[in-house]
N, C-alpha and C. Protein backbone atom coordinates (compact mmCIF):
# COMPACT_ATOMS: atom_id res chain seq x y z
N MET A 1 -23.65 -71.09 158.80
CA MET A 1 -24.67 -71.97 159.24
C MET A 1 -25.63 -70.82 160.28
N ASN A 2 -26.41 -71.27 160.11
CA ASN A 2 -27.59 -70.54 161.00
C ASN A 2 -28.84 -70.94 162.02
N PHE A 3 -29.27 -70.72 163.05
CA PHE A 3 -30.06 -71.35 164.20
C PHE A 3 -30.93 -69.98 164.47
N SER A 4 -32.46 -70.53 165.23
CA SER A 4 -32.43 -69.71 165.82
C SER A 4 -33.66 -70.62 166.50
N TRP A 5 -34.34 -70.14 168.12
CA TRP A 5 -35.01 -70.93 168.93
C TRP A 5 -36.39 -70.17 169.19
N GLY A 6 -36.71 -71.36 169.69
CA GLY A 6 -38.07 -70.93 169.76
C GLY A 6 -38.71 -70.56 171.23
N PRO A 7 -39.78 -70.74 171.48
CA PRO A 7 -40.63 -69.95 173.17
C PRO A 7 -39.31 -71.18 174.36
N THR A 8 -39.43 -70.39 175.48
CA THR A 8 -38.94 -71.21 176.41
C THR A 8 -39.41 -71.15 177.78
N ALA A 9 -39.95 -71.67 178.77
CA ALA A 9 -40.70 -71.48 180.25
C ALA A 9 -39.88 -70.47 180.73
N LYS A 10 -40.35 -69.68 181.15
CA LYS A 10 -39.74 -68.71 182.61
C LYS A 10 -39.64 -69.53 183.56
N CYS A 11 -37.90 -69.08 183.66
CA CYS A 11 -37.80 -69.15 185.39
C CYS A 11 -37.57 -71.15 185.35
N PHE A 12 -36.17 -71.18 185.25
CA PHE A 12 -34.94 -71.97 184.88
C PHE A 12 -35.82 -73.05 184.37
N ASP A 13 -36.50 -73.29 183.02
CA ASP A 13 -36.73 -74.65 182.80
C ASP A 13 -35.47 -75.24 182.27
N PRO A 14 -35.39 -76.85 183.06
CA PRO A 14 -34.36 -77.47 182.66
C PRO A 14 -33.98 -77.89 181.14
N LYS A 15 -34.94 -77.75 180.21
CA LYS A 15 -35.01 -78.30 178.83
C LYS A 15 -34.79 -77.12 177.87
N SER A 16 -33.89 -76.90 176.89
CA SER A 16 -33.69 -76.82 176.10
C SER A 16 -35.02 -76.01 175.20
N PRO A 17 -34.99 -75.04 174.64
CA PRO A 17 -35.86 -74.66 173.70
C PRO A 17 -36.34 -75.59 172.28
N PRO A 18 -36.70 -75.41 171.80
CA PRO A 18 -36.96 -76.08 170.33
C PRO A 18 -35.42 -75.06 169.32
N ILE A 19 -35.11 -75.59 168.49
CA ILE A 19 -33.91 -74.76 168.14
C ILE A 19 -34.37 -75.14 166.31
N THR A 20 -34.09 -74.20 165.36
CA THR A 20 -34.24 -74.35 163.91
C THR A 20 -33.03 -74.46 163.04
N LEU A 21 -32.10 -75.56 162.35
CA LEU A 21 -31.00 -75.48 162.21
C LEU A 21 -31.21 -75.21 160.15
N SER A 22 -29.85 -74.40 160.05
CA SER A 22 -29.70 -74.19 158.81
C SER A 22 -28.26 -73.75 158.29
N GLY A 23 -28.28 -74.46 156.88
CA GLY A 23 -26.37 -74.42 156.88
C GLY A 23 -25.56 -74.89 157.46
N VAL A 24 -25.84 -75.84 158.57
CA VAL A 24 -24.81 -76.62 158.95
C VAL A 24 -24.02 -77.45 158.09
N PRO A 25 -22.48 -77.65 158.50
CA PRO A 25 -21.74 -78.22 156.71
C PRO A 25 -22.12 -80.15 157.02
N ALA A 26 -21.99 -80.43 156.04
CA ALA A 26 -22.17 -81.47 155.62
C ALA A 26 -21.34 -82.65 156.70
N GLU A 27 -19.86 -82.22 157.12
CA GLU A 27 -19.14 -83.22 158.08
C GLU A 27 -19.08 -82.92 159.41
N THR A 28 -20.29 -82.03 159.45
CA THR A 28 -21.15 -82.22 161.47
C THR A 28 -20.98 -83.19 161.50
N LYS A 29 -20.96 -83.57 163.14
CA LYS A 29 -20.90 -84.95 163.56
C LYS A 29 -21.73 -84.69 164.82
N LYS A 30 -21.31 -83.54 165.80
CA LYS A 30 -22.05 -83.34 167.08
C LYS A 30 -21.96 -81.41 166.61
N LEU A 31 -22.97 -80.94 167.56
CA LEU A 31 -23.43 -79.73 167.54
C LEU A 31 -23.44 -79.51 169.32
N GLN A 32 -22.16 -78.24 169.73
CA GLN A 32 -22.45 -77.98 170.57
C GLN A 32 -23.06 -76.67 171.04
N PHE A 33 -23.76 -76.64 172.14
CA PHE A 33 -24.30 -75.19 172.31
C PHE A 33 -24.18 -74.72 174.11
N LYS A 34 -23.85 -73.28 174.49
CA LYS A 34 -24.04 -72.75 175.27
C LYS A 34 -24.87 -71.40 175.28
N MET A 35 -25.42 -71.23 176.45
CA MET A 35 -26.34 -70.02 176.60
C MET A 35 -26.03 -69.04 178.08
N VAL A 36 -25.71 -67.51 177.51
CA VAL A 36 -25.30 -66.68 178.18
C VAL A 36 -25.98 -65.68 178.60
N ASP A 37 -26.62 -64.78 179.93
CA ASP A 37 -27.12 -63.89 179.67
C ASP A 37 -25.76 -62.41 179.41
N LEU A 38 -26.14 -62.08 178.62
CA LEU A 38 -25.37 -61.08 178.27
C LEU A 38 -25.59 -59.76 179.27
N ASP A 39 -26.76 -59.83 180.19
CA ASP A 39 -26.84 -58.63 181.33
C ASP A 39 -26.20 -59.26 182.85
N ALA A 40 -26.11 -60.31 182.48
CA ALA A 40 -25.34 -61.48 183.54
C ALA A 40 -24.64 -62.36 183.81
N ILE A 41 -23.19 -61.49 183.12
CA ILE A 41 -22.36 -62.69 181.90
C ILE A 41 -21.90 -63.81 183.22
N ASP A 42 -21.58 -63.54 184.24
CA ASP A 42 -21.75 -64.59 185.46
C ASP A 42 -22.27 -66.06 185.51
N PHE A 43 -23.57 -65.20 185.10
CA PHE A 43 -24.41 -66.52 186.18
C PHE A 43 -24.10 -67.53 184.74
N THR A 44 -24.61 -69.26 184.83
CA THR A 44 -23.92 -69.94 183.80
C THR A 44 -25.61 -70.40 183.35
N HIS A 45 -26.16 -70.56 182.28
CA HIS A 45 -27.25 -71.25 181.88
C HIS A 45 -27.23 -72.46 181.18
N GLY A 46 -25.47 -73.22 181.30
CA GLY A 46 -25.55 -73.95 180.59
C GLY A 46 -25.73 -74.69 179.11
N GLY A 47 -25.79 -75.54 178.31
CA GLY A 47 -25.72 -75.99 177.60
C GLY A 47 -25.43 -77.34 177.18
N GLY A 48 -25.18 -77.96 175.81
CA GLY A 48 -24.65 -79.42 175.57
C GLY A 48 -24.46 -79.29 174.27
N THR A 49 -24.06 -80.77 174.55
CA THR A 49 -23.56 -81.34 173.35
C THR A 49 -24.88 -82.35 172.67
N VAL A 50 -25.01 -82.56 171.10
CA VAL A 50 -25.98 -83.08 170.68
C VAL A 50 -25.03 -83.44 169.70
N VAL A 51 -26.04 -84.94 169.09
CA VAL A 51 -25.22 -85.88 167.70
C VAL A 51 -25.99 -84.99 166.33
N PHE A 52 -25.24 -84.95 165.41
CA PHE A 52 -25.90 -84.23 164.20
C PHE A 52 -26.10 -85.25 163.28
N GLY A 53 -27.09 -85.39 162.93
CA GLY A 53 -27.17 -85.94 161.96
C GLY A 53 -27.99 -85.86 160.19
N GLY A 54 -27.80 -84.64 160.28
CA GLY A 54 -28.52 -83.98 159.02
C GLY A 54 -30.18 -83.30 159.74
N GLN A 55 -30.33 -82.98 160.55
CA GLN A 55 -31.59 -82.56 160.98
C GLN A 55 -32.14 -81.03 160.96
N LYS A 56 -32.64 -80.93 160.85
CA LYS A 56 -33.36 -79.38 160.42
C LYS A 56 -33.64 -78.59 161.75
N SER A 57 -33.83 -79.34 163.08
CA SER A 57 -34.14 -78.82 164.14
C SER A 57 -34.20 -79.79 165.01
N LEU A 58 -33.69 -79.80 166.36
CA LEU A 58 -33.65 -80.16 167.51
C LEU A 58 -35.02 -79.72 168.70
N ALA A 59 -35.59 -80.42 168.90
CA ALA A 59 -37.07 -80.66 170.07
C ALA A 59 -36.71 -80.11 171.25
N TYR A 60 -37.37 -79.80 171.57
CA TYR A 60 -37.85 -78.86 173.18
C TYR A 60 -37.39 -80.32 174.32
N GLY A 61 -35.77 -79.99 175.01
CA GLY A 61 -35.21 -80.48 175.82
C GLY A 61 -33.86 -81.48 175.07
N ALA A 62 -33.83 -81.01 173.86
CA ALA A 62 -32.03 -82.01 173.24
C ALA A 62 -31.37 -81.94 174.26
N PHE A 63 -31.03 -80.45 174.51
CA PHE A 63 -29.96 -80.58 175.82
C PHE A 63 -30.49 -79.83 177.13
N SER A 64 -29.69 -79.86 178.47
CA SER A 64 -29.54 -79.60 179.52
C SER A 64 -29.33 -77.88 179.44
N TYR A 65 -30.25 -77.23 180.36
CA TYR A 65 -29.95 -76.10 180.73
C TYR A 65 -30.72 -75.27 181.63
N ARG A 66 -30.26 -73.89 181.76
CA ARG A 66 -31.33 -73.86 182.54
C ARG A 66 -32.54 -72.46 182.63
N GLY A 67 -32.84 -72.09 182.08
CA GLY A 67 -33.84 -71.47 181.09
C GLY A 67 -33.60 -69.93 182.06
N PRO A 68 -34.04 -68.92 181.32
CA PRO A 68 -34.18 -67.27 181.88
C PRO A 68 -35.16 -67.28 183.10
N CYS A 69 -34.59 -66.41 183.71
CA CYS A 69 -35.90 -65.77 184.80
C CYS A 69 -34.38 -64.70 185.14
N PRO A 70 -34.61 -63.82 184.76
CA PRO A 70 -34.47 -62.24 184.98
C PRO A 70 -35.29 -60.97 185.92
N PRO A 71 -35.14 -60.54 186.46
CA PRO A 71 -35.61 -59.41 187.50
C PRO A 71 -36.35 -58.57 186.66
N GLN A 72 -35.54 -58.13 185.39
CA GLN A 72 -36.43 -57.46 184.21
C GLN A 72 -35.83 -58.09 182.97
N PRO A 73 -36.39 -57.79 181.76
CA PRO A 73 -35.69 -58.10 180.15
C PRO A 73 -34.67 -58.18 180.23
N HIS A 74 -33.52 -59.23 180.04
CA HIS A 74 -32.16 -59.22 179.59
C HIS A 74 -32.01 -59.83 178.27
N THR A 75 -30.75 -59.76 177.98
CA THR A 75 -30.72 -59.90 176.29
C THR A 75 -29.77 -61.63 176.59
N TYR A 76 -29.92 -62.90 175.94
CA TYR A 76 -29.79 -63.85 176.35
C TYR A 76 -29.11 -63.99 174.60
N GLU A 77 -27.75 -65.15 174.82
CA GLU A 77 -27.86 -65.34 173.39
C GLU A 77 -27.18 -66.72 173.58
N ILE A 78 -27.75 -68.16 172.88
CA ILE A 78 -27.06 -69.26 172.44
C ILE A 78 -25.94 -69.03 171.05
N SER A 79 -25.09 -69.51 171.33
CA SER A 79 -23.94 -70.25 170.86
C SER A 79 -23.63 -71.52 169.92
N VAL A 80 -23.72 -71.71 169.23
CA VAL A 80 -23.56 -73.44 168.72
C VAL A 80 -22.06 -73.37 168.08
N LYS A 81 -21.48 -74.14 168.27
CA LYS A 81 -20.44 -75.07 167.23
C LYS A 81 -20.41 -76.35 166.43
N ALA A 82 -20.11 -76.24 165.54
CA ALA A 82 -20.13 -77.44 164.34
C ALA A 82 -18.84 -78.17 164.53
N LEU A 83 -19.06 -79.42 164.69
CA LEU A 83 -17.53 -80.11 165.55
C LEU A 83 -17.61 -80.92 164.05
N ASP A 84 -16.34 -81.85 164.31
CA ASP A 84 -16.37 -82.56 162.98
C ASP A 84 -16.29 -84.17 163.85
N GLY A 85 -16.06 -85.03 163.38
CA GLY A 85 -15.69 -86.38 163.98
C GLY A 85 -14.40 -86.25 164.54
N ASN A 86 -13.34 -84.88 164.40
CA ASN A 86 -12.16 -85.27 165.65
C ASN A 86 -12.43 -84.58 166.82
N GLY A 87 -13.76 -83.85 166.22
CA GLY A 87 -14.17 -82.83 167.52
C GLY A 87 -13.55 -81.44 167.13
N LYS A 88 -12.81 -80.76 166.38
CA LYS A 88 -12.75 -79.42 165.44
C LYS A 88 -14.06 -78.95 165.33
N THR A 89 -14.03 -77.74 165.40
CA THR A 89 -14.72 -76.64 165.21
C THR A 89 -14.73 -76.55 163.95
N ILE A 90 -15.98 -76.46 163.11
CA ILE A 90 -15.86 -75.92 161.83
C ILE A 90 -16.51 -75.16 160.88
N ALA A 91 -17.73 -74.95 162.49
CA ALA A 91 -18.47 -73.22 162.30
C ALA A 91 -18.85 -72.91 162.90
N THR A 92 -19.15 -71.93 163.66
CA THR A 92 -19.96 -71.20 164.65
C THR A 92 -20.96 -70.68 163.91
N ALA A 93 -21.91 -70.23 164.81
CA ALA A 93 -22.76 -69.61 165.15
C ALA A 93 -23.43 -68.40 166.72
N LYS A 94 -24.44 -67.37 166.39
CA LYS A 94 -24.83 -66.62 167.32
C LYS A 94 -26.16 -66.52 167.05
N ALA A 95 -26.72 -66.47 167.75
CA ALA A 95 -28.32 -65.56 168.45
C ALA A 95 -28.78 -64.96 169.65
N ARG A 96 -29.37 -63.62 169.89
CA ARG A 96 -29.59 -63.31 170.57
C ARG A 96 -31.39 -63.37 170.79
N LYS A 97 -31.39 -62.93 172.03
CA LYS A 97 -32.84 -62.82 172.14
C LYS A 97 -33.20 -62.10 173.77
N ARG A 98 -34.39 -61.24 173.37
CA ARG A 98 -34.71 -60.56 174.78
C ARG A 98 -35.55 -61.47 175.40
N PHE A 99 -35.79 -61.37 176.95
CA PHE A 99 -36.58 -62.01 177.27
C PHE A 99 -36.96 -61.66 178.90
N PRO A 100 -38.29 -61.51 179.04
CA PRO A 100 -39.50 -61.66 178.69
C PRO A 100 -39.92 -60.58 177.69
């Protein structure tokens, strides 16, 4: 499973960036996202769970989070878990970006 994320507004945008998905297992029912600032690991940016129905992308605002607002460039990581109908993790992926 792979994904990438698009642009995000600076300073605590409450809506997630657009996300492009590929290689998601066919038995996936939900995708669970989490964002972490690798330079300030204790700061919670949140994430969310979305129902997956085979779509190749998630629109801006698909889940709630706190967008980046670092005092200088930081590295951010979004992780995603693909969950089956029983809530079991069947695939994972991570992607990193520097911001701004």
